[in-house]
Amino acid sequence: MSFKSIVSSIFTSLLLLTPTQLFAATCTAQTDAQTISLLELYTSEGCSSCPSADKWLSNLTPNPSLYVALAFHVDYWDYIGWHDRFSKAQFSDRQRKIAALNHTGFVYTPQFVLNGKDFKSGDDHYFHSKIAKQQKLPTRATLSLNTTTDSNGRISLNATAQLTNNQEIKQAEVFLALYENKLETQVKAGENNGRLLKHDYVVRELFGAFPISAENQFIKQFKLDEAWKNKNAGAVLFVQDANNGEVLQSLQLAFCD
């Protein structure tokens, strides 16, 4: 199922509530005084080393008050025999930009990136020690997400971000990712031929970078058709320092059923 065919519109506007929406299911999330880490995985169904990383990510105990996770499927392995249906050149470009900001000069899969920095570990204890340290840092941005699902199953999303110390960050960018869980692919060619691959936190769409405006606020509205499984989807909002790639704050919200 193509995510592009599901997302029928996305634009910047003030959200006007209709009488139907006033009685709709609403979900909200907002950051507090602590910093929430962002863990990114760059992966591919055409990479034989990636399924173990995908599994490790899926097995992490969800704790959105400490960290959020996103899996970006890159497209540069699609030529070796299997086209990853979740891959996008946009995600490969993001990984290359992170590599450039970190002065590594190359990209690879699987790669974990924690708060904008390369993270070479699949060890649970080390990972949790890193995010615990990050959580104690003074928050540098406040984020909020609000989703409203109307009686027809259409979802409206509001997202806001505000820097708490404008003097410290010279150039901040806001990103909004839409992700999906519980995805499966029966691979029929390439390095993973014959394997059933299971994925979570798969990024289907990434919007941004949006600059922080004078009002420090933006609102997004989009619609999903009836085929979308709301219980397996959600949004992640995060703010990043454009100069060094450091993720300042992140926030996750699962769509209401």
C-alpha atoms as a PDB file:
ATOM      1  CA  MET A   1       0.000   0.000   0.000  1.00  0.00           C
ATOM      2  CA  SER A   2       1.555   3.318  -1.081  1.00  0.00           C
ATOM      3  CA  PHE A   3       1.682   5.888   1.647  1.00  0.00           C
ATOM      4  CA  LYS A   4       1.584   8.665  -0.955  1.00  0.00           C
ATOM      5  CA  SER A   5      -1.819   7.447  -2.090  1.00  0.00           C
ATOM      6  CA  ILE A   6      -2.993   7.511   1.519  1.00  0.00           C
ATOM      7  CA  VAL A   7      -1.876  11.004   2.425  1.00  0.00           C
ATOM      8  CA  SER A   8      -4.234  13.148   0.366  1.00  0.00           C
ATOM      9  CA  SER A   9      -3.115  16.568   1.581  1.00  0.00           C
ATOM     10  CA  ILE A  10      -0.704  18.289   3.885  1.00  0.00           C
ATOM     11  CA  PHE A  11      -0.403  22.033   4.300  1.00  0.00           C
ATOM     12  CA  THR A  12       0.330  24.806   6.776  1.00  0.00           C
ATOM     13  CA  SER A  13      -2.848  26.419   8.097  1.00  0.00           C
ATOM     14  CA  LEU A  14      -4.952  27.119  11.136  1.00  0.00           C
ATOM     15  CA  LEU A  15      -7.104  24.126  11.989  1.00  0.00           C
ATOM     16  CA  LEU A  16     -10.819  24.946  11.820  1.00  0.00           C
ATOM     17  CA  LEU A  17     -12.918  22.472  13.806  1.00  0.00           C
ATOM     18  CA  THR A  18     -16.176  21.296  12.244  1.00  0.00           C
ATOM     19  CA  PRO A  19     -19.112  20.068  14.372  1.00  0.00           C
ATOM     20  CA  THR A  20     -18.105  16.486  13.478  1.00  0.00           C
ATOM     21  CA  GLN A  21     -14.548  17.048  14.640  1.00  0.00           C
ATOM     22  CA  LEU A  22     -15.715  18.508  17.953  1.00  0.00           C
ATOM     23  CA  PHE A  23     -17.002  15.059  18.897  1.00  0.00           C
ATOM     24  CA  ALA A  24     -14.020  13.201  17.453  1.00  0.00           C
ATOM     25  CA  ALA A  25     -11.413  11.141  19.252  1.00  0.00           C
ATOM     26  CA  THR A  26      -8.474  13.307  20.314  1.00  0.00           C
ATOM     27  CA  CYS A  27      -4.945  12.350  21.367  1.00  0.00           C
ATOM     28  CA  THR A  28      -2.293  14.740  22.641  1.00  0.00           C
ATOM     29  CA  ALA A  29       1.335  14.683  23.728  1.00  0.00           C
ATOM     30  CA  GLN A  30       3.661  17.375  25.016  1.00  0.00           C
ATOM     31  CA  THR A  31       7.238  17.481  26.213  1.00  0.00           C
ATOM     32  CA  ASP A  32       8.091  18.501  29.758  1.00  0.00           C
ATOM     33  CA  ALA A  33      11.310  19.736  31.338  1.00  0.00           C
ATOM     34  CA  GLN A  34      13.269  16.655  30.246  1.00  0.00           C
ATOM     35  CA  THR A  35      14.984  15.895  26.954  1.00  0.00           C
ATOM     36  CA  ILE A  36      13.623  12.974  24.911  1.00  0.00           C
ATOM     37  CA  SER A  37      16.197  11.210  22.725  1.00  0.00           C
ATOM     38  CA  LEU A  38      15.721  10.314  19.063  1.00  0.00           C
ATOM     39  CA  LEU A  39      17.093   6.971  17.868  1.00  0.00           C
ATOM     40  CA  GLU A  40      17.292   6.606  14.081  1.00  0.00           C
ATOM     41  CA  LEU A  41      18.019   3.367  12.239  1.00  0.00           C
ATOM     42  CA  TYR A  42      19.168   3.445   8.615  1.00  0.00           C
ATOM     43  CA  THR A  43      18.331   0.086   7.122  1.00  0.00           C
ATOM     44  CA  SER A  44      17.360  -1.782   3.947  1.00  0.00           C
ATOM     45  CA  GLU A  45      15.568  -4.988   3.007  1.00  0.00           C
ATOM     46  CA  GLY A  46      18.399  -5.542   0.523  1.00  0.00           C
ATOM     47  CA  CYS A  47      21.032  -5.657   3.276  1.00  0.00           C
ATOM     48  CA  SER A  48      21.812  -9.049   4.845  1.00  0.00           C
ATOM     49  CA  SER A  49      23.145  -7.419   8.031  1.00  0.00           C
ATOM     50  CA  CYS A  50      20.034  -5.327   8.616  1.00  0.00           C
ATOM     51  CA  PRO A  51      17.404  -7.812   9.899  1.00  0.00           C
ATOM     52  CA  SER A  52      19.220  -8.201  13.225  1.00  0.00           C
ATOM     53  CA  ALA A  53      19.252  -4.418  13.688  1.00  0.00           C
ATOM     54  CA  ASP A  54      15.569  -4.225  12.747  1.00  0.00           C
ATOM     55  CA  LYS A  55      14.819  -6.897  15.349  1.00  0.00           C
ATOM     56  CA  TRP A  56      16.799  -5.118  18.056  1.00  0.00           C
ATOM     57  CA  LEU A  57      14.859  -1.923  17.372  1.00  0.00           C
ATOM     58  CA  SER A  58      11.519  -3.748  17.498  1.00  0.00           C
ATOM     59  CA  ASN A  59      12.448  -5.461  20.767  1.00  0.00           C
ATOM     60  CA  LEU A  60      13.252  -2.244  22.611  1.00  0.00           C
ATOM     61  CA  THR A  61      10.692  -1.561  25.312  1.00  0.00           C
ATOM     62  CA  PRO A  62       8.679   1.468  24.164  1.00  0.00           C
ATOM     63  CA  ASN A  63       9.243   4.433  26.463  1.00  0.00           C
ATOM     64  CA  PRO A  64       8.307   7.667  24.667  1.00  0.00           C
ATOM     65  CA  SER A  65       9.057   9.728  27.770  1.00  0.00           C
ATOM     66  CA  LEU A  66      12.732   8.720  27.386  1.00  0.00           C
ATOM     67  CA  TYR A  67      13.235   8.135  23.664  1.00  0.00           C
ATOM     68  CA  VAL A  68      11.494   7.701  20.334  1.00  0.00           C
ATOM     69  CA  ALA A  69      12.625   5.511  17.442  1.00  0.00           C
ATOM     70  CA  LEU A  70      12.436   5.849  13.660  1.00  0.00           C
ATOM     71  CA  ALA A  71      13.583   3.443  10.933  1.00  0.00           C
ATOM     72  CA  PHE A  72      14.611   5.062   7.648  1.00  0.00           C
ATOM     73  CA  HIS A  73      14.843   2.629   4.723  1.00  0.00           C
ATOM     74  CA  VAL A  74      17.510   3.811   2.270  1.00  0.00           C
ATOM     75  CA  ASP A  75      17.408   3.215  -1.480  1.00  0.00           C
ATOM     76  CA  TYR A  76      21.081   2.757  -2.381  1.00  0.00           C
ATOM     77  CA  TRP A  77      20.925  -1.041  -2.012  1.00  0.00           C
ATOM     78  CA  ASP A  78      17.855  -1.428  -4.241  1.00  0.00           C
ATOM     79  CA  TYR A  79      20.029  -2.181  -7.272  1.00  0.00           C
ATOM     80  CA  ILE A  80      21.484  -5.448  -5.914  1.00  0.00           C
ATOM     81  CA  GLY A  81      18.434  -7.605  -6.531  1.00  0.00           C
ATOM     82  CA  TRP A  82      15.614  -6.491  -4.266  1.00  0.00           C
ATOM     83  CA  HIS A  83      13.689  -3.211  -4.260  1.00  0.00           C
ATOM     84  CA  ASP A  84      12.788  -2.159  -0.721  1.00  0.00           C
ATOM     85  CA  ARG A  85       9.220  -0.847  -0.956  1.00  0.00           C
ATOM     86  CA  PHE A  86       9.771   1.391   2.070  1.00  0.00           C
ATOM     87  CA  SER A  87      12.949   3.001   0.724  1.00  0.00           C
ATOM     88  CA  LYS A  88      13.236   6.597  -0.457  1.00  0.00           C
ATOM     89  CA  ALA A  89      16.058   8.666  -1.871  1.00  0.00           C
ATOM     90  CA  GLN A  90      15.034  11.333   0.654  1.00  0.00           C
ATOM     91  CA  PHE A  91      16.024   9.020   3.504  1.00  0.00           C
ATOM     92  CA  SER A  92      19.382   8.211   1.892  1.00  0.00           C
ATOM     93  CA  ASP A  93      19.988  11.942   1.502  1.00  0.00           C
ATOM     94  CA  ARG A  94      19.247  12.491   5.185  1.00  0.00           C
ATOM     95  CA  GLN A  95      21.767   9.829   6.145  1.00  0.00           C
ATOM     96  CA  ARG A  96      24.401  11.411   3.879  1.00  0.00           C
ATOM     97  CA  LYS A  97      23.756  14.811   5.439  1.00  0.00           C
ATOM     98  CA  ILE A  98      24.231  13.345   8.922  1.00  0.00           C
ATOM     99  CA  ALA A  99      27.493  11.753   7.762  1.00  0.00           C
ATOM    100  CA  ALA A 100      28.676  15.098   6.405  1.00  0.00           C
ATOM    101  CA  LEU A 101      27.815  16.920   9.638  1.00  0.00           C
ATOM    102  CA  ASN A 102      29.658  14.234  11.631  1.00  0.00           C
ATOM    103  CA  HIS A 103      32.615  14.359   9.210  1.00  0.00           C
ATOM    104  CA  THR A 104      32.534  10.588   8.614  1.00  0.00           C
ATOM    105  CA  GLY A 105      32.507  10.819   4.816  1.00  0.00           C
ATOM    106  CA  PHE A 106      30.537   7.612   4.174  1.00  0.00           C
ATOM    107  CA  VAL A 107      27.213   5.889   4.837  1.00  0.00           C
ATOM    108  CA  TYR A 108      26.447   2.274   5.693  1.00  0.00           C
ATOM    109  CA  THR A 109      23.691  -0.056   6.851  1.00  0.00           C
ATOM    110  CA  PRO A 110      22.642  -0.859   9.408  1.00  0.00           C
ATOM    111  CA  GLN A 111      23.499   2.415  11.110  1.00  0.00           C
ATOM    112  CA  PHE A 112      22.068   3.720  14.348  1.00  0.00           C
ATOM    113  CA  VAL A 113      22.092   7.464  14.959  1.00  0.00           C
ATOM    114  CA  LEU A 114      21.340   8.751  18.460  1.00  0.00           C
ATOM    115  CA  ASN A 115      20.428  12.421  18.767  1.00  0.00           C
ATOM    116  CA  GLY A 116      22.132  13.174  15.476  1.00  0.00           C
ATOM    117  CA  LYS A 117      25.373  11.314  16.234  1.00  0.00           C
ATOM    118  CA  ASP A 118      26.615   7.919  15.043  1.00  0.00           C
ATOM    119  CA  PHE A 119      25.798   5.245  17.622  1.00  0.00           C
ATOM    120  CA  LYS A 120      27.697   1.977  17.236  1.00  0.00           C
ATOM    121  CA  SER A 121      25.968  -0.274  19.712  1.00  0.00           C
ATOM    122  CA  GLY A 122      23.184  -2.819  19.923  1.00  0.00           C
ATOM    123  CA  ASP A 123      23.658  -3.249  23.654  1.00  0.00           C
ATOM    124  CA  ASP A 124      20.566  -2.467  25.718  1.00  0.00           C
ATOM    125  CA  HIS A 125      22.436  -1.386  28.854  1.00  0.00           C
ATOM    126  CA  TYR A 126      24.715   1.020  26.983  1.00  0.00           C
ATOM    127  CA  PHE A 127      21.780   2.462  25.041  1.00  0.00           C
ATOM    128  CA  HIS A 128      19.739   3.128  28.169  1.00  0.00           C
ATOM    129  CA  SER A 129      22.723   4.708  29.920  1.00  0.00           C
ATOM    130  CA  LYS A 130      23.116   7.115  26.995  1.00  0.00           C
ATOM    131  CA  ILE A 131      19.469   8.177  26.916  1.00  0.00           C
ATOM    132  CA  ALA A 132      19.382   8.534  30.709  1.00  0.00           C
ATOM    133  CA  LYS A 133      22.304  10.953  30.469  1.00  0.00           C
ATOM    134  CA  GLN A 134      20.555  12.869  27.684  1.00  0.00           C
ATOM    135  CA  GLN A 135      17.342  13.105  29.701  1.00  0.00           C
ATOM    136  CA  LYS A 136      19.105  15.037  32.454  1.00  0.00           C
ATOM    137  CA  LEU A 137      20.134  17.839  30.088  1.00  0.00           C
ATOM    138  CA  PRO A 138      18.149  21.089  30.332  1.00  0.00           C
ATOM    139  CA  THR A 139      15.445  21.080  27.692  1.00  0.00           C
ATOM    140  CA  ARG A 140      16.155  23.339  24.726  1.00  0.00           C
ATOM    141  CA  ALA A 141      12.818  23.030  22.940  1.00  0.00           C
ATOM    142  CA  THR A 142       9.181  22.471  23.857  1.00  0.00           C
ATOM    143  CA  LEU A 143       7.078  20.350  21.498  1.00  0.00           C
ATOM    144  CA  SER A 144       3.438  19.363  21.280  1.00  0.00           C
ATOM    145  CA  LEU A 145       1.377  17.096  19.040  1.00  0.00           C
ATOM    146  CA  ASN A 146      -2.384  16.854  18.768  1.00  0.00           C
ATOM    147  CA  THR A 147      -4.337  14.445  16.580  1.00  0.00           C
ATOM    148  CA  THR A 148      -8.072  14.447  15.999  1.00  0.00           C
ATOM    149  CA  THR A 149      -9.827  11.543  14.298  1.00  0.00           C
ATOM    150  CA  ASP A 150     -13.300  12.321  12.943  1.00  0.00           C
ATOM    151  CA  SER A 151     -16.190   9.909  12.465  1.00  0.00           C
ATOM    152  CA  ASN A 152     -14.959   9.071   8.950  1.00  0.00           C
ATOM    153  CA  GLY A 153     -11.535   7.981  10.196  1.00  0.00           C
ATOM    154  CA  ARG A 154      -9.724  11.046   8.869  1.00  0.00           C
ATOM    155  CA  ILE A 155      -6.920  12.366  11.050  1.00  0.00           C
ATOM    156  CA  SER A 156      -5.966  16.008  11.572  1.00  0.00           C
ATOM    157  CA  LEU A 157      -2.583  16.743  13.122  1.00  0.00           C
ATOM    158  CA  ASN A 158      -1.387  19.884  14.908  1.00  0.00           C
ATOM    159  CA  ALA A 159       2.313  20.231  15.683  1.00  0.00           C
ATOM    160  CA  THR A 160       4.055  23.052  17.538  1.00  0.00           C
ATOM    161  CA  ALA A 161       7.657  23.696  18.499  1.00  0.00           C
ATOM    162  CA  GLN A 162       9.351  26.440  20.456  1.00  0.00           C
ATOM    163  CA  LEU A 163      12.967  26.932  21.447  1.00  0.00           C
ATOM    164  CA  THR A 164      13.510  27.558  25.142  1.00  0.00           C
ATOM    165  CA  ASN A 165      16.907  29.223  24.589  1.00  0.00           C
ATOM    166  CA  ASN A 166      17.052  31.105  21.298  1.00  0.00           C
ATOM    167  CA  GLN A 167      20.524  32.449  22.029  1.00  0.00           C
ATOM    168  CA  GLU A 168      22.109  29.004  22.225  1.00  0.00           C
ATOM    169  CA  ILE A 169      20.838  27.626  18.894  1.00  0.00           C
ATOM    170  CA  LYS A 170      21.603  29.795  15.880  1.00  0.00           C
ATOM    171  CA  GLN A 171      19.651  27.753  13.338  1.00  0.00           C
ATOM    172  CA  ALA A 172      17.050  25.153  14.316  1.00  0.00           C
ATOM    173  CA  GLU A 173      14.945  22.986  12.007  1.00  0.00           C
ATOM    174  CA  VAL A 174      11.700  21.141  12.689  1.00  0.00           C
ATOM    175  CA  PHE A 175      10.848  17.753  11.150  1.00  0.00           C
ATOM    176  CA  LEU A 176       7.657  15.741  11.198  1.00  0.00           C
ATOM    177  CA  ALA A 177       7.829  11.993  10.495  1.00  0.00           C
ATOM    178  CA  LEU A 178       4.874   9.671   9.947  1.00  0.00           C
ATOM    179  CA  TYR A 179       5.685   6.070  10.839  1.00  0.00           C
ATOM    180  CA  GLU A 180       4.040   2.654  10.757  1.00  0.00           C
ATOM    181  CA  ASN A 181       4.491  -0.485  12.876  1.00  0.00           C
ATOM    182  CA  LYS A 182       3.904  -4.212  12.333  1.00  0.00           C
ATOM    183  CA  LEU A 183       4.970  -4.316   8.688  1.00  0.00           C
ATOM    184  CA  GLU A 184       6.097  -7.521   6.978  1.00  0.00           C
ATOM    185  CA  THR A 185       7.771  -8.330   3.669  1.00  0.00           C
ATOM    186  CA  GLN A 186       8.407 -11.721   2.109  1.00  0.00           C
ATOM    187  CA  VAL A 187      11.673 -11.114   0.286  1.00  0.00           C
ATOM    188  CA  LYS A 188      11.989 -12.987  -3.012  1.00  0.00           C
ATOM    189  CA  ALA A 189      15.398 -11.856  -4.270  1.00  0.00           C
ATOM    190  CA  GLY A 190      18.671 -10.293  -3.181  1.00  0.00           C
ATOM    191  CA  GLU A 191      20.724 -10.912  -0.043  1.00  0.00           C
ATOM    192  CA  ASN A 192      17.644 -11.686   2.081  1.00  0.00           C
ATOM    193  CA  ASN A 193      15.996 -13.967  -0.475  1.00  0.00           C
ATOM    194  CA  GLY A 194      13.473 -16.295   1.184  1.00  0.00           C
ATOM    195  CA  ARG A 195      13.293 -14.396   4.465  1.00  0.00           C
ATOM    196  CA  LEU A 196      10.199 -12.899   6.071  1.00  0.00           C
ATOM    197  CA  LEU A 197      11.272  -9.487   7.340  1.00  0.00           C
ATOM    198  CA  LYS A 198       9.369  -7.701  10.088  1.00  0.00           C
ATOM    199  CA  HIS A 199       9.611  -3.973  10.691  1.00  0.00           C
ATOM    200  CA  ASP A 200       8.501  -1.371  13.225  1.00  0.00           C
ATOM    201  CA  TYR A 201       8.829   2.419  13.387  1.00  0.00           C
ATOM    202  CA  VAL A 202       9.117   2.531   9.585  1.00  0.00           C
ATOM    203  CA  VAL A 203       9.112   6.122   8.324  1.00  0.00           C
ATOM    204  CA  ARG A 204       6.598   6.431   5.500  1.00  0.00           C
ATOM    205  CA  GLU A 205       6.775  10.203   5.096  1.00  0.00           C
ATOM    206  CA  LEU A 206       9.191  12.850   6.355  1.00  0.00           C
ATOM    207  CA  PHE A 207       8.204  16.521   6.208  1.00  0.00           C
ATOM    208  CA  GLY A 208      10.700  19.338   6.723  1.00  0.00           C
ATOM    209  CA  ALA A 209      12.989  20.948   7.353  1.00  0.00           C
ATOM    210  CA  PHE A 210      10.754  23.735   8.660  1.00  0.00           C
ATOM    211  CA  PRO A 211      12.455  26.813  10.112  1.00  0.00           C
ATOM    212  CA  ILE A 212      11.527  28.099  13.545  1.00  0.00           C
ATOM    213  CA  SER A 213       9.414  31.173  12.814  1.00  0.00           C
ATOM    214  CA  ALA A 214       9.157  34.363  14.834  1.00  0.00           C
ATOM    215  CA  GLU A 215       6.047  32.910  16.473  1.00  0.00           C
ATOM    216  CA  ASN A 216       7.786  29.532  16.955  1.00  0.00           C
ATOM    217  CA  GLN A 217       4.627  27.737  15.839  1.00  0.00           C
ATOM    218  CA  PHE A 218       3.315  25.775  12.896  1.00  0.00           C
ATOM    219  CA  ILE A 219       0.235  23.580  12.401  1.00  0.00           C
ATOM    220  CA  LYS A 220      -0.104  20.677   9.971  1.00  0.00           C
ATOM    221  CA  GLN A 221      -3.270  19.098   8.693  1.00  0.00           C
ATOM    222  CA  PHE A 222      -3.464  15.913   6.665  1.00  0.00           C
ATOM    223  CA  LYS A 223      -6.033  13.199   5.892  1.00  0.00           C
ATOM    224  CA  LEU A 224      -5.753   9.422   5.776  1.00  0.00           C
ATOM    225  CA  ASP A 225      -8.201   7.242   3.861  1.00  0.00           C
ATOM    226  CA  GLU A 226     -10.166   4.353   5.363  1.00  0.00           C
ATOM    227  CA  ALA A 227      -7.509   1.778   4.404  1.00  0.00           C
ATOM    228  CA  TRP A 228      -5.046   3.209   6.922  1.00  0.00           C
ATOM    229  CA  LYS A 229      -4.529   1.247  10.135  1.00  0.00           C
ATOM    230  CA  ASN A 230      -4.566   3.981  12.738  1.00  0.00           C
ATOM    231  CA  LYS A 231      -3.585   1.644  15.587  1.00  0.00           C
ATOM    232  CA  ASN A 232      -0.255   0.910  13.880  1.00  0.00           C
ATOM    233  CA  ALA A 233       0.638   4.463  12.869  1.00  0.00           C
ATOM    234  CA  GLY A 234       1.839   7.619  14.525  1.00  0.00           C
ATOM    235  CA  ALA A 235       3.845  10.809  14.257  1.00  0.00           C
ATOM    236  CA  VAL A 236       7.202  11.946  15.587  1.00  0.00           C
ATOM    237  CA  LEU A 237       8.123  15.604  15.846  1.00  0.00           C
ATOM    238  CA  PHE A 238      11.737  16.605  16.407  1.00  0.00           C
ATOM    239  CA  VAL A 239      13.907  19.711  16.417  1.00  0.00           C
ATOM    240  CA  GLN A 240      17.459  19.603  15.115  1.00  0.00           C
ATOM    241  CA  ASP A 241      20.392  22.000  15.136  1.00  0.00           C
ATOM    242  CA  ALA A 242      21.047  22.630  11.447  1.00  0.00           C
ATOM    243  CA  ASN A 243      24.691  23.497  12.052  1.00  0.00           C
ATOM    244  CA  ASN A 244      25.833  20.259  13.712  1.00  0.00           C
ATOM    245  CA  GLY A 245      22.885  17.856  13.324  1.00  0.00           C
ATOM    246  CA  GLU A 246      22.254  17.480  17.050  1.00  0.00           C
ATOM    247  CA  VAL A 247      18.657  16.594  17.895  1.00  0.00           C
ATOM    248  CA  LEU A 248      17.501  18.991  20.603  1.00  0.00           C
ATOM    249  CA  GLN A 249      14.130  17.470  21.446  1.00  0.00           C
ATOM    250  CA  SER A 250      11.688  14.887  20.098  1.00  0.00           C
ATOM    251  CA  LEU A 251       8.115  13.789  20.724  1.00  0.00           C
ATOM    252  CA  GLN A 252       6.044  10.767  19.688  1.00  0.00           C
ATOM    253  CA  LEU A 253       2.273  10.388  19.424  1.00  0.00           C
ATOM    254  CA  ALA A 254       0.411   7.281  18.277  1.00  0.00           C
ATOM    255  CA  PHE A 255      -2.715   7.928  16.244  1.00  0.00           C
ATOM    256  CA  CYS A 256      -5.981   7.217  18.021  1.00  0.00           C
ATOM    257  CA  ASP A 257      -7.865   4.036  17.078  1.00  0.00           C
END
